[in-house]
Amino acid sequence: MATSQTPPPVLRRRLGGLLRHYRKGSGLTLAQAAGILGWENTRLSRVETGQYQIKADEVSTLLQAYGIADAKNLTEVTRVINSVHRAWWAAYADVLPQTYADSIALESEAVTIRCYFPQLIPALLQTPAYAHTIISSSPRAVTQNTATALVQVRQARKEVLTRPTGPTELRTVIDESALYPRAGAASDLMRDQLLSLLDMLERDNISLHVMPLNAPLHPGLTSNMTIMDFRRPWPSLVTVDHTRGGVFLEEPEDVTAFTEVFDAVCKAALPTDESRDVIKKYMKGTPHA
């Protein structure tokens, strides 16, 4: 499969936004900053809008010129820009839409992920069999080889939750209806998925709330959402999935709005202990016992 040689556009855009923020904070004009690297104004402008890749040593030169003395910030920026093109998902470039690859790149850097997917088990918690069933049900034609590759991607993404150093914290909400066996699915598929779900919930960095069938109306009914938080200096962002991929919402007011919605969804859902009990009942086939 093809290998990507440049950071995903979303990371270039976020890096460019940081550089623009630091430049303006330093009081330097675009022309003055571009001159530091011997560039034309248009080249730096394209870097700041994420249209042009910049090398790590050039990032370092600009940050020093902007008076960014925080070594931790500088190290974090250059680490991300240097490492992302060597990431494991680059091997799947042939089957990954750009927005999906961007989302994985962000996911791999996230410190905390909060998500609400009403009708499905979250991708980071899916078993291979469950994932294959979901992927194969896509209205868009998916070959067997592509489905297999996408299942492999989905399983590899779980590493962020189980890595020995700095595992990502996952907080998620699902509707109770997501626990029901799907029509046409193998009888043991959902049971195995729920058993795996309970095993994952034993980890301290993973929590799940079930939205009961009799829950009141809540603001999360209109959309799925994933909110990712990162190490400094990267700001949080929101992703919203749809049929043809997804969109990234990076403005602070968008992040605040979705955070408020997610908090309201959590408040309407069951506590984590009660949610585990509900999952166990579905696994035993006695959801209303």
C-alpha atoms as a PDB file:
ATOM      1  CA  MET A   1       0.000   0.000   0.000  1.00  0.00           C
ATOM      2  CA  ALA A   2       1.045   3.583  -0.569  1.00  0.00           C
ATOM      3  CA  THR A   3       3.004   5.486   2.039  1.00  0.00           C
ATOM      4  CA  SER A   4       2.373   9.136   2.883  1.00  0.00           C
ATOM      5  CA  GLN A   5       5.421  11.390   2.861  1.00  0.00           C
ATOM      6  CA  THR A   6       3.885  14.540   4.341  1.00  0.00           C
ATOM      7  CA  PRO A   7       1.920  15.324   7.485  1.00  0.00           C
ATOM      8  CA  PRO A   8      -1.871  15.162   7.007  1.00  0.00           C
ATOM      9  CA  PRO A   9      -3.491  18.476   5.985  1.00  0.00           C
ATOM     10  CA  VAL A  10      -5.263  18.880   9.308  1.00  0.00           C
ATOM     11  CA  LEU A  11      -1.955  18.772  11.189  1.00  0.00           C
ATOM     12  CA  ARG A  12      -0.331  21.160   8.710  1.00  0.00           C
ATOM     13  CA  ARG A  13      -3.253  23.516   9.199  1.00  0.00           C
ATOM     14  CA  ARG A  14      -3.051  23.312  12.987  1.00  0.00           C
ATOM     15  CA  LEU A  15       0.705  23.863  12.920  1.00  0.00           C
ATOM     16  CA  GLY A  16       0.250  26.801  10.563  1.00  0.00           C
ATOM     17  CA  GLY A  17      -2.355  28.290  12.859  1.00  0.00           C
ATOM     18  CA  LEU A  18       0.020  28.048  15.807  1.00  0.00           C
ATOM     19  CA  LEU A  19       2.826  29.684  13.857  1.00  0.00           C
ATOM     20  CA  ARG A  20       0.512  32.513  12.788  1.00  0.00           C
ATOM     21  CA  HIS A  21      -0.619  32.971  16.407  1.00  0.00           C
ATOM     22  CA  TYR A  22       2.973  33.109  17.661  1.00  0.00           C
ATOM     23  CA  ARG A  23       4.039  35.464  14.839  1.00  0.00           C
ATOM     24  CA  LYS A  24       1.275  37.937  15.570  1.00  0.00           C
ATOM     25  CA  GLY A  25       2.056  37.744  19.270  1.00  0.00           C
ATOM     26  CA  SER A  26       5.664  38.652  18.529  1.00  0.00           C
ATOM     27  CA  GLY A  27       4.640  41.741  16.572  1.00  0.00           C
ATOM     28  CA  LEU A  28       6.391  40.612  13.383  1.00  0.00           C
ATOM     29  CA  THR A  29       4.710  41.169  10.038  1.00  0.00           C
ATOM     30  CA  LEU A  30       4.369  38.376   7.502  1.00  0.00           C
ATOM     31  CA  ALA A  31       7.145  39.956   5.427  1.00  0.00           C
ATOM     32  CA  GLN A  32       9.509  40.253   8.389  1.00  0.00           C
ATOM     33  CA  ALA A  33       8.954  36.644   9.440  1.00  0.00           C
ATOM     34  CA  ALA A  34       9.316  35.329   5.891  1.00  0.00           C
ATOM     35  CA  GLY A  35      12.582  37.236   5.559  1.00  0.00           C
ATOM     36  CA  ILE A  36      14.047  35.332   8.506  1.00  0.00           C
ATOM     37  CA  LEU A  37      13.933  32.180   6.382  1.00  0.00           C
ATOM     38  CA  GLY A  38      14.731  33.972   3.127  1.00  0.00           C
ATOM     39  CA  TRP A  39      11.219  33.261   1.846  1.00  0.00           C
ATOM     40  CA  GLU A  40       8.670  35.205  -0.145  1.00  0.00           C
ATOM     41  CA  ASN A  41       5.619  36.373   1.798  1.00  0.00           C
ATOM     42  CA  THR A  42       3.354  34.004  -0.112  1.00  0.00           C
ATOM     43  CA  ARG A  43       5.319  30.947   0.987  1.00  0.00           C
ATOM     44  CA  LEU A  44       4.955  31.706   4.690  1.00  0.00           C
ATOM     45  CA  SER A  45       1.317  32.623   4.138  1.00  0.00           C
ATOM     46  CA  ARG A  46       0.742  29.175   2.637  1.00  0.00           C
ATOM     47  CA  VAL A  47       2.498  27.577   5.617  1.00  0.00           C
ATOM     48  CA  GLU A  48       0.264  29.480   8.025  1.00  0.00           C
ATOM     49  CA  THR A  49      -2.860  28.272   6.215  1.00  0.00           C
ATOM     50  CA  GLY A  50      -1.669  24.659   6.088  1.00  0.00           C
ATOM     51  CA  GLN A  51      -1.162  24.567   2.321  1.00  0.00           C
ATOM     52  CA  TYR A  52       2.611  24.132   2.438  1.00  0.00           C
ATOM     53  CA  GLN A  53       4.811  21.802   4.459  1.00  0.00           C
ATOM     54  CA  ILE A  54       7.515  23.276   6.680  1.00  0.00           C
ATOM     55  CA  LYS A  55      10.590  21.464   7.985  1.00  0.00           C
ATOM     56  CA  ALA A  56      11.269  20.966  11.683  1.00  0.00           C
ATOM     57  CA  ASP A  57      14.405  23.137  11.652  1.00  0.00           C
ATOM     58  CA  GLU A  58      12.435  25.930   9.970  1.00  0.00           C
ATOM     59  CA  VAL A  59       9.756  25.651  12.667  1.00  0.00           C
ATOM     60  CA  SER A  60      12.484  25.927  15.301  1.00  0.00           C
ATOM     61  CA  THR A  61      13.992  29.016  13.636  1.00  0.00           C
ATOM     62  CA  LEU A  62      10.633  30.780  13.482  1.00  0.00           C
ATOM     63  CA  LEU A  63       9.661  29.950  17.054  1.00  0.00           C
ATOM     64  CA  GLN A  64      12.978  31.282  18.324  1.00  0.00           C
ATOM     65  CA  ALA A  65      12.461  34.473  16.298  1.00  0.00           C
ATOM     66  CA  TYR A  66       8.973  34.778  17.762  1.00  0.00           C
ATOM     67  CA  GLY A  67      10.418  34.619  21.256  1.00  0.00           C
ATOM     68  CA  ILE A  68       8.880  31.273  22.169  1.00  0.00           C
ATOM     69  CA  ALA A  69      11.257  30.224  24.907  1.00  0.00           C
ATOM     70  CA  ASP A  70       9.097  27.346  26.163  1.00  0.00           C
ATOM     71  CA  ALA A  71      11.227  24.369  25.148  1.00  0.00           C
ATOM     72  CA  LYS A  72       8.368  21.977  25.889  1.00  0.00           C
ATOM     73  CA  ASN A  73       6.126  23.749  23.386  1.00  0.00           C
ATOM     74  CA  LEU A  74       8.841  23.790  20.744  1.00  0.00           C
ATOM     75  CA  THR A  75       9.650  20.108  21.280  1.00  0.00           C
ATOM     76  CA  GLU A  76       5.988  19.117  21.027  1.00  0.00           C
ATOM     77  CA  VAL A  77       5.466  20.999  17.774  1.00  0.00           C
ATOM     78  CA  THR A  78       8.562  19.594  16.080  1.00  0.00           C
ATOM     79  CA  ARG A  79       7.920  16.066  17.390  1.00  0.00           C
ATOM     80  CA  VAL A  80       4.494  15.921  15.780  1.00  0.00           C
ATOM     81  CA  ILE A  81       5.587  17.398  12.463  1.00  0.00           C
ATOM     82  CA  ASN A  82       8.558  14.999  12.284  1.00  0.00           C
ATOM     83  CA  SER A  83       6.865  11.769  13.309  1.00  0.00           C
ATOM     84  CA  VAL A  84       3.447  11.684  11.733  1.00  0.00           C
ATOM     85  CA  HIS A  85       4.543  10.666   8.221  1.00  0.00           C
ATOM     86  CA  ARG A  86       6.166   7.553   9.706  1.00  0.00           C
ATOM     87  CA  ALA A  87       2.965   6.461  11.470  1.00  0.00           C
ATOM     88  CA  TRP A  88       1.496   2.994  10.983  1.00  0.00           C
ATOM     89  CA  TRP A  89      -1.619   4.177   9.130  1.00  0.00           C
ATOM     90  CA  ALA A  90       0.471   5.491   6.235  1.00  0.00           C
ATOM     91  CA  ALA A  91       0.591   1.884   5.011  1.00  0.00           C
ATOM     92  CA  TYR A  92      -3.192   2.008   4.506  1.00  0.00           C
ATOM     93  CA  ALA A  93      -3.257   5.189   2.419  1.00  0.00           C
ATOM     94  CA  ASP A  94      -4.898   3.313  -0.466  1.00  0.00           C
ATOM     95  CA  VAL A  95      -8.064   2.609   1.528  1.00  0.00           C
ATOM     96  CA  LEU A  96      -8.258   5.575   3.899  1.00  0.00           C
ATOM     97  CA  PRO A  97     -10.069   8.767   2.867  1.00  0.00           C
ATOM     98  CA  GLN A  98      -8.000  11.811   3.793  1.00  0.00           C
ATOM     99  CA  THR A  99     -10.382  12.896   6.543  1.00  0.00           C
ATOM    100  CA  TYR A 100     -10.163   9.434   8.114  1.00  0.00           C
ATOM    101  CA  ALA A 101      -6.356   9.503   8.021  1.00  0.00           C
ATOM    102  CA  ASP A 102      -6.430  12.990   9.526  1.00  0.00           C
ATOM    103  CA  SER A 103      -8.725  11.780  12.296  1.00  0.00           C
ATOM    104  CA  ILE A 104      -6.412   8.867  13.126  1.00  0.00           C
ATOM    105  CA  ALA A 105      -3.425  11.211  13.227  1.00  0.00           C
ATOM    106  CA  LEU A 106      -5.247  13.449  15.696  1.00  0.00           C
ATOM    107  CA  GLU A 107      -6.507  10.482  17.699  1.00  0.00           C
ATOM    108  CA  SER A 108      -2.956   9.204  18.108  1.00  0.00           C
ATOM    109  CA  GLU A 109      -1.923  12.512  19.700  1.00  0.00           C
ATOM    110  CA  ALA A 110      -4.988  13.026  21.899  1.00  0.00           C
ATOM    111  CA  VAL A 111      -4.679  12.980  25.673  1.00  0.00           C
ATOM    112  CA  THR A 112      -8.441  12.690  26.148  1.00  0.00           C
ATOM    113  CA  ILE A 113     -11.210  11.587  23.787  1.00  0.00           C
ATOM    114  CA  ARG A 114     -14.881  12.159  24.563  1.00  0.00           C
ATOM    115  CA  CYS A 115     -17.370  10.709  22.100  1.00  0.00           C
ATOM    116  CA  TYR A 116     -21.053  10.033  21.586  1.00  0.00           C
ATOM    117  CA  PHE A 117     -22.196   7.639  18.861  1.00  0.00           C
ATOM    118  CA  PRO A 118     -25.841   6.828  19.560  1.00  0.00           C
ATOM    119  CA  GLN A 119     -26.451   3.670  17.545  1.00  0.00           C
ATOM    120  CA  LEU A 120     -23.078   1.919  17.513  1.00  0.00           C
ATOM    121  CA  ILE A 121     -20.351   0.686  19.810  1.00  0.00           C
ATOM    122  CA  PRO A 122     -17.522   3.256  19.454  1.00  0.00           C
ATOM    123  CA  ALA A 123     -14.883   2.272  16.896  1.00  0.00           C
ATOM    124  CA  LEU A 124     -12.127   2.222  19.532  1.00  0.00           C
ATOM    125  CA  LEU A 125     -14.043  -0.463  21.442  1.00  0.00           C
ATOM    126  CA  GLN A 126     -15.215  -2.675  18.564  1.00  0.00           C
ATOM    127  CA  THR A 127     -14.223  -6.319  18.115  1.00  0.00           C
ATOM    128  CA  PRO A 128     -12.961  -7.373  14.661  1.00  0.00           C
ATOM    129  CA  ALA A 129     -16.186  -9.274  13.905  1.00  0.00           C
ATOM    130  CA  TYR A 130     -18.410  -6.365  14.931  1.00  0.00           C
ATOM    131  CA  ALA A 131     -16.257  -3.905  12.978  1.00  0.00           C
ATOM    132  CA  HIS A 132     -16.378  -6.117   9.872  1.00  0.00           C
ATOM    133  CA  THR A 133     -20.172  -6.287  10.050  1.00  0.00           C
ATOM    134  CA  ILE A 134     -20.472  -2.508  10.320  1.00  0.00           C
ATOM    135  CA  ILE A 135     -17.958  -1.814   7.550  1.00  0.00           C
ATOM    136  CA  SER A 136     -19.532  -4.382   5.210  1.00  0.00           C
ATOM    137  CA  SER A 137     -22.966  -2.803   5.695  1.00  0.00           C
ATOM    138  CA  SER A 138     -21.800   0.457   4.136  1.00  0.00           C
ATOM    139  CA  PRO A 139     -24.027   1.652   1.259  1.00  0.00           C
ATOM    140  CA  ARG A 140     -20.848   2.236  -0.732  1.00  0.00           C
ATOM    141  CA  ALA A 141     -19.391  -0.858  -2.380  1.00  0.00           C
ATOM    142  CA  VAL A 142     -16.542  -2.268  -0.274  1.00  0.00           C
ATOM    143  CA  THR A 143     -14.434  -5.151  -1.556  1.00  0.00           C
ATOM    144  CA  GLN A 144     -13.451  -7.952   0.774  1.00  0.00           C
ATOM    145  CA  ASN A 145      -9.822  -6.822   0.726  1.00  0.00           C
ATOM    146  CA  THR A 146     -10.796  -3.252   1.562  1.00  0.00           C
ATOM    147  CA  ALA A 147     -13.096  -4.388   4.367  1.00  0.00           C
ATOM    148  CA  THR A 148     -10.309  -6.523   5.823  1.00  0.00           C
ATOM    149  CA  ALA A 149      -7.865  -3.611   5.658  1.00  0.00           C
ATOM    150  CA  LEU A 150     -10.344  -1.241   7.323  1.00  0.00           C
ATOM    151  CA  VAL A 151     -10.948  -3.746  10.113  1.00  0.00           C
ATOM    152  CA  GLN A 152      -7.180  -3.939  10.632  1.00  0.00           C
ATOM    153  CA  VAL A 153      -7.064  -0.138  10.837  1.00  0.00           C
ATOM    154  CA  ARG A 154      -9.874  -0.063  13.374  1.00  0.00           C
ATOM    155  CA  GLN A 155      -8.131  -2.639  15.555  1.00  0.00           C
ATOM    156  CA  ALA A 156      -4.771  -0.868  15.313  1.00  0.00           C
ATOM    157  CA  ARG A 157      -6.400   2.354  16.492  1.00  0.00           C
ATOM    158  CA  LYS A 158      -7.088   0.691  19.863  1.00  0.00           C
ATOM    159  CA  GLU A 159      -3.395   0.919  20.710  1.00  0.00           C
ATOM    160  CA  VAL A 160      -3.908   4.466  21.972  1.00  0.00           C
ATOM    161  CA  LEU A 161      -6.013   3.016  24.802  1.00  0.00           C
ATOM    162  CA  THR A 162      -3.667   0.209  25.794  1.00  0.00           C
ATOM    163  CA  ARG A 163      -0.164   1.592  25.241  1.00  0.00           C
ATOM    164  CA  PRO A 164       1.945   1.197  28.387  1.00  0.00           C
ATOM    165  CA  THR A 165       2.993   4.850  28.529  1.00  0.00           C
ATOM    166  CA  GLY A 166       0.401   7.607  28.477  1.00  0.00           C
ATOM    167  CA  PRO A 167      -2.688   5.740  27.260  1.00  0.00           C
ATOM    168  CA  THR A 168      -5.416   8.021  25.984  1.00  0.00           C
ATOM    169  CA  GLU A 169      -8.360   8.567  28.311  1.00  0.00           C
ATOM    170  CA  LEU A 170     -11.644   7.609  26.629  1.00  0.00           C
ATOM    171  CA  ARG A 171     -15.020   8.743  27.907  1.00  0.00           C
ATOM    172  CA  THR A 172     -17.958   7.658  25.796  1.00  0.00           C
ATOM    173  CA  VAL A 173     -21.747   7.510  25.761  1.00  0.00           C
ATOM    174  CA  ILE A 174     -23.865   5.056  23.754  1.00  0.00           C
ATOM    175  CA  ASP A 175     -27.605   4.557  23.513  1.00  0.00           C
ATOM    176  CA  GLU A 176     -29.028   1.401  25.041  1.00  0.00           C
ATOM    177  CA  SER A 177     -30.297   0.456  21.581  1.00  0.00           C
ATOM    178  CA  ALA A 178     -26.664  -0.050  20.507  1.00  0.00           C
ATOM    179  CA  LEU A 179     -26.554  -3.081  22.815  1.00  0.00           C
ATOM    180  CA  TYR A 180     -29.305  -4.938  20.950  1.00  0.00           C
ATOM    181  CA  PRO A 181     -28.272  -7.805  18.620  1.00  0.00           C
ATOM    182  CA  ARG A 182     -28.450  -6.640  15.016  1.00  0.00           C
ATOM    183  CA  ALA A 183     -30.783  -8.449  12.615  1.00  0.00           C
ATOM    184  CA  GLY A 184     -28.880 -10.828  10.380  1.00  0.00           C
ATOM    185  CA  ALA A 185     -25.777 -10.860  12.592  1.00  0.00           C
ATOM    186  CA  ALA A 186     -24.331 -14.103  13.954  1.00  0.00           C
ATOM    187  CA  SER A 187     -25.868 -15.007  17.316  1.00  0.00           C
ATOM    188  CA  ASP A 188     -22.575 -14.833  19.186  1.00  0.00           C
ATOM    189  CA  LEU A 189     -21.291 -11.635  17.531  1.00  0.00           C
ATOM    190  CA  MET A 190     -23.016  -9.239  19.903  1.00  0.00           C
ATOM    191  CA  ARG A 191     -22.322 -11.351  22.959  1.00  0.00           C
ATOM    192  CA  ASP A 192     -18.599 -11.382  22.154  1.00  0.00           C
ATOM    193  CA  GLN A 193     -18.711  -7.625  21.541  1.00  0.00           C
ATOM    194  CA  LEU A 194     -20.339  -6.957  24.902  1.00  0.00           C
ATOM    195  CA  LEU A 195     -17.893  -9.253  26.682  1.00  0.00           C
ATOM    196  CA  SER A 196     -14.989  -7.390  25.072  1.00  0.00           C
ATOM    197  CA  LEU A 197     -16.619  -4.106  26.039  1.00  0.00           C
ATOM    198  CA  LEU A 198     -16.798  -5.143  29.691  1.00  0.00           C
ATOM    199  CA  ASP A 199     -13.154  -6.235  29.590  1.00  0.00           C
ATOM    200  CA  MET A 200     -12.084  -2.850  28.189  1.00  0.00           C
ATOM    201  CA  LEU A 201     -14.094  -1.058  30.873  1.00  0.00           C
ATOM    202  CA  GLU A 202     -11.858  -2.652  33.502  1.00  0.00           C
ATOM    203  CA  ARG A 203      -9.152  -0.223  32.408  1.00  0.00           C
ATOM    204  CA  ASP A 204      -8.854   2.940  34.499  1.00  0.00           C
ATOM    205  CA  ASN A 205      -8.596   5.155  31.403  1.00  0.00           C
ATOM    206  CA  ILE A 206     -11.905   4.038  29.859  1.00  0.00           C
ATOM    207  CA  SER A 207     -15.402   4.936  31.026  1.00  0.00           C
ATOM    208  CA  LEU A 208     -18.766   4.398  29.361  1.00  0.00           C
ATOM    209  CA  HIS A 209     -22.265   5.676  30.037  1.00  0.00           C
ATOM    210  CA  VAL A 210     -25.384   4.018  28.626  1.00  0.00           C
ATOM    211  CA  MET A 211     -28.255   6.270  27.592  1.00  0.00           C
ATOM    212  CA  PRO A 212     -31.351   4.324  28.721  1.00  0.00           C
ATOM    213  CA  LEU A 213     -34.299   3.808  26.411  1.00  0.00           C
ATOM    214  CA  ASN A 214     -36.487   5.906  28.687  1.00  0.00           C
ATOM    215  CA  ALA A 215     -34.060   8.836  28.873  1.00  0.00           C
ATOM    216  CA  PRO A 216     -35.529  12.321  28.463  1.00  0.00           C
ATOM    217  CA  LEU A 217     -34.876  14.403  25.370  1.00  0.00           C
ATOM    218  CA  HIS A 218     -31.322  15.752  25.350  1.00  0.00           C
ATOM    219  CA  PRO A 219     -29.207  17.951  23.029  1.00  0.00           C
ATOM    220  CA  GLY A 220     -27.122  15.030  21.744  1.00  0.00           C
ATOM    221  CA  LEU A 221     -30.019  13.642  19.707  1.00  0.00           C
ATOM    222  CA  THR A 222     -29.079  15.718  16.673  1.00  0.00           C
ATOM    223  CA  SER A 223     -25.492  14.581  16.091  1.00  0.00           C
ATOM    224  CA  ASN A 224     -22.609  12.266  16.859  1.00  0.00           C
ATOM    225  CA  MET A 225     -19.484  13.935  18.195  1.00  0.00           C
ATOM    226  CA  THR A 226     -15.889  13.318  19.172  1.00  0.00           C
ATOM    227  CA  ILE A 227     -13.993  15.885  21.239  1.00  0.00           C
ATOM    228  CA  MET A 228     -10.218  15.527  21.423  1.00  0.00           C
ATOM    229  CA  ASP A 229      -7.929  17.265  23.899  1.00  0.00           C
ATOM    230  CA  PHE A 230      -4.162  17.470  23.353  1.00  0.00           C
ATOM    231  CA  ARG A 231      -0.916  18.399  25.056  1.00  0.00           C
ATOM    232  CA  ARG A 232       0.079  22.044  24.938  1.00  0.00           C
ATOM    233  CA  PRO A 233       0.253  23.938  22.694  1.00  0.00           C
ATOM    234  CA  TRP A 234      -2.307  22.109  20.538  1.00  0.00           C
ATOM    235  CA  PRO A 235      -5.906  23.301  21.112  1.00  0.00           C
ATOM    236  CA  SER A 236      -8.844  20.921  21.433  1.00  0.00           C
ATOM    237  CA  LEU A 237     -11.063  20.162  18.452  1.00  0.00           C
ATOM    238  CA  VAL A 238     -14.287  18.378  17.511  1.00  0.00           C
ATOM    239  CA  THR A 239     -14.926  15.835  14.760  1.00  0.00           C
ATOM    240  CA  VAL A 240     -18.383  14.990  13.433  1.00  0.00           C
ATOM    241  CA  ASP A 241     -18.723  11.924  11.206  1.00  0.00           C
ATOM    242  CA  HIS A 242     -21.050  11.656   8.233  1.00  0.00           C
ATOM    243  CA  THR A 243     -21.628   9.312   5.292  1.00  0.00           C
ATOM    244  CA  ARG A 244     -18.772  10.641   3.162  1.00  0.00           C
ATOM    245  CA  GLY A 245     -16.210  11.170   5.896  1.00  0.00           C
ATOM    246  CA  GLY A 246     -16.218  13.823   8.568  1.00  0.00           C
ATOM    247  CA  VAL A 247     -15.635  17.455   9.420  1.00  0.00           C
ATOM    248  CA  PHE A 248     -13.231  19.071  11.863  1.00  0.00           C
ATOM    249  CA  LEU A 249     -14.412  21.965  14.016  1.00  0.00           C
ATOM    250  CA  GLU A 250     -11.464  23.857  15.458  1.00  0.00           C
ATOM    251  CA  GLU A 251     -12.868  27.210  16.557  1.00  0.00           C
ATOM    252  CA  PRO A 252     -12.942  27.630  20.363  1.00  0.00           C
ATOM    253  CA  GLU A 253     -16.653  28.460  20.326  1.00  0.00           C
ATOM    254  CA  ASP A 254     -17.399  25.199  18.484  1.00  0.00           C
ATOM    255  CA  VAL A 255     -15.385  23.176  20.997  1.00  0.00           C
ATOM    256  CA  THR A 256     -17.180  24.913  23.871  1.00  0.00           C
ATOM    257  CA  ALA A 257     -20.614  24.285  22.340  1.00  0.00           C
ATOM    258  CA  PHE A 258     -19.984  20.578  21.764  1.00  0.00           C
ATOM    259  CA  THR A 259     -18.433  20.194  25.206  1.00  0.00           C
ATOM    260  CA  GLU A 260     -21.605  21.599  26.734  1.00  0.00           C
ATOM    261  CA  VAL A 261     -23.684  19.162  24.679  1.00  0.00           C
ATOM    262  CA  PHE A 262     -21.496  16.219  25.684  1.00  0.00           C
ATOM    263  CA  ASP A 263     -21.744  17.150  29.360  1.00  0.00           C
ATOM    264  CA  ALA A 264     -25.535  17.300  29.037  1.00  0.00           C
ATOM    265  CA  VAL A 265     -25.562  13.884  27.340  1.00  0.00           C
ATOM    266  CA  CYS A 266     -23.490  12.389  30.161  1.00  0.00           C
ATOM    267  CA  LYS A 267     -25.846  13.902  32.718  1.00  0.00           C
ATOM    268  CA  ALA A 268     -28.850  12.292  31.008  1.00  0.00           C
ATOM    269  CA  ALA A 269     -27.143   8.881  30.781  1.00  0.00           C
ATOM    270  CA  LEU A 270     -26.695   6.246  33.475  1.00  0.00           C
ATOM    271  CA  PRO A 271     -23.683   6.343  35.813  1.00  0.00           C
ATOM    272  CA  THR A 272     -20.813   4.054  34.827  1.00  0.00           C
ATOM    273  CA  ASP A 273     -21.600   1.323  37.387  1.00  0.00           C
ATOM    274  CA  GLU A 274     -25.239   1.112  36.339  1.00  0.00           C
ATOM    275  CA  SER A 275     -24.136   1.154  32.700  1.00  0.00           C
ATOM    276  CA  ARG A 276     -21.968  -1.924  33.301  1.00  0.00           C
ATOM    277  CA  ASP A 277     -24.940  -3.693  34.856  1.00  0.00           C
ATOM    278  CA  VAL A 278     -27.063  -2.947  31.794  1.00  0.00           C
ATOM    279  CA  ILE A 279     -24.359  -4.321  29.488  1.00  0.00           C
ATOM    280  CA  LYS A 280     -24.145  -7.506  31.574  1.00  0.00           C
ATOM    281  CA  LYS A 281     -27.902  -8.017  31.310  1.00  0.00           C
ATOM    282  CA  TYR A 282     -27.780  -7.711  27.532  1.00  0.00           C
ATOM    283  CA  MET A 283     -24.854 -10.108  27.384  1.00  0.00           C
ATOM    284  CA  LYS A 284     -26.919 -12.656  29.345  1.00  0.00           C
ATOM    285  CA  GLY A 285     -29.937 -12.041  27.142  1.00  0.00           C
ATOM    286  CA  THR A 286     -31.998 -10.571  29.978  1.00  0.00           C
ATOM    287  CA  PRO A 287     -31.981  -6.797  29.332  1.00  0.00           C
ATOM    288  CA  HIS A 288     -35.221  -6.149  31.197  1.00  0.00           C
ATOM    289  CA  ALA A 289     -34.745  -8.563  34.089  1.00  0.00           C
END
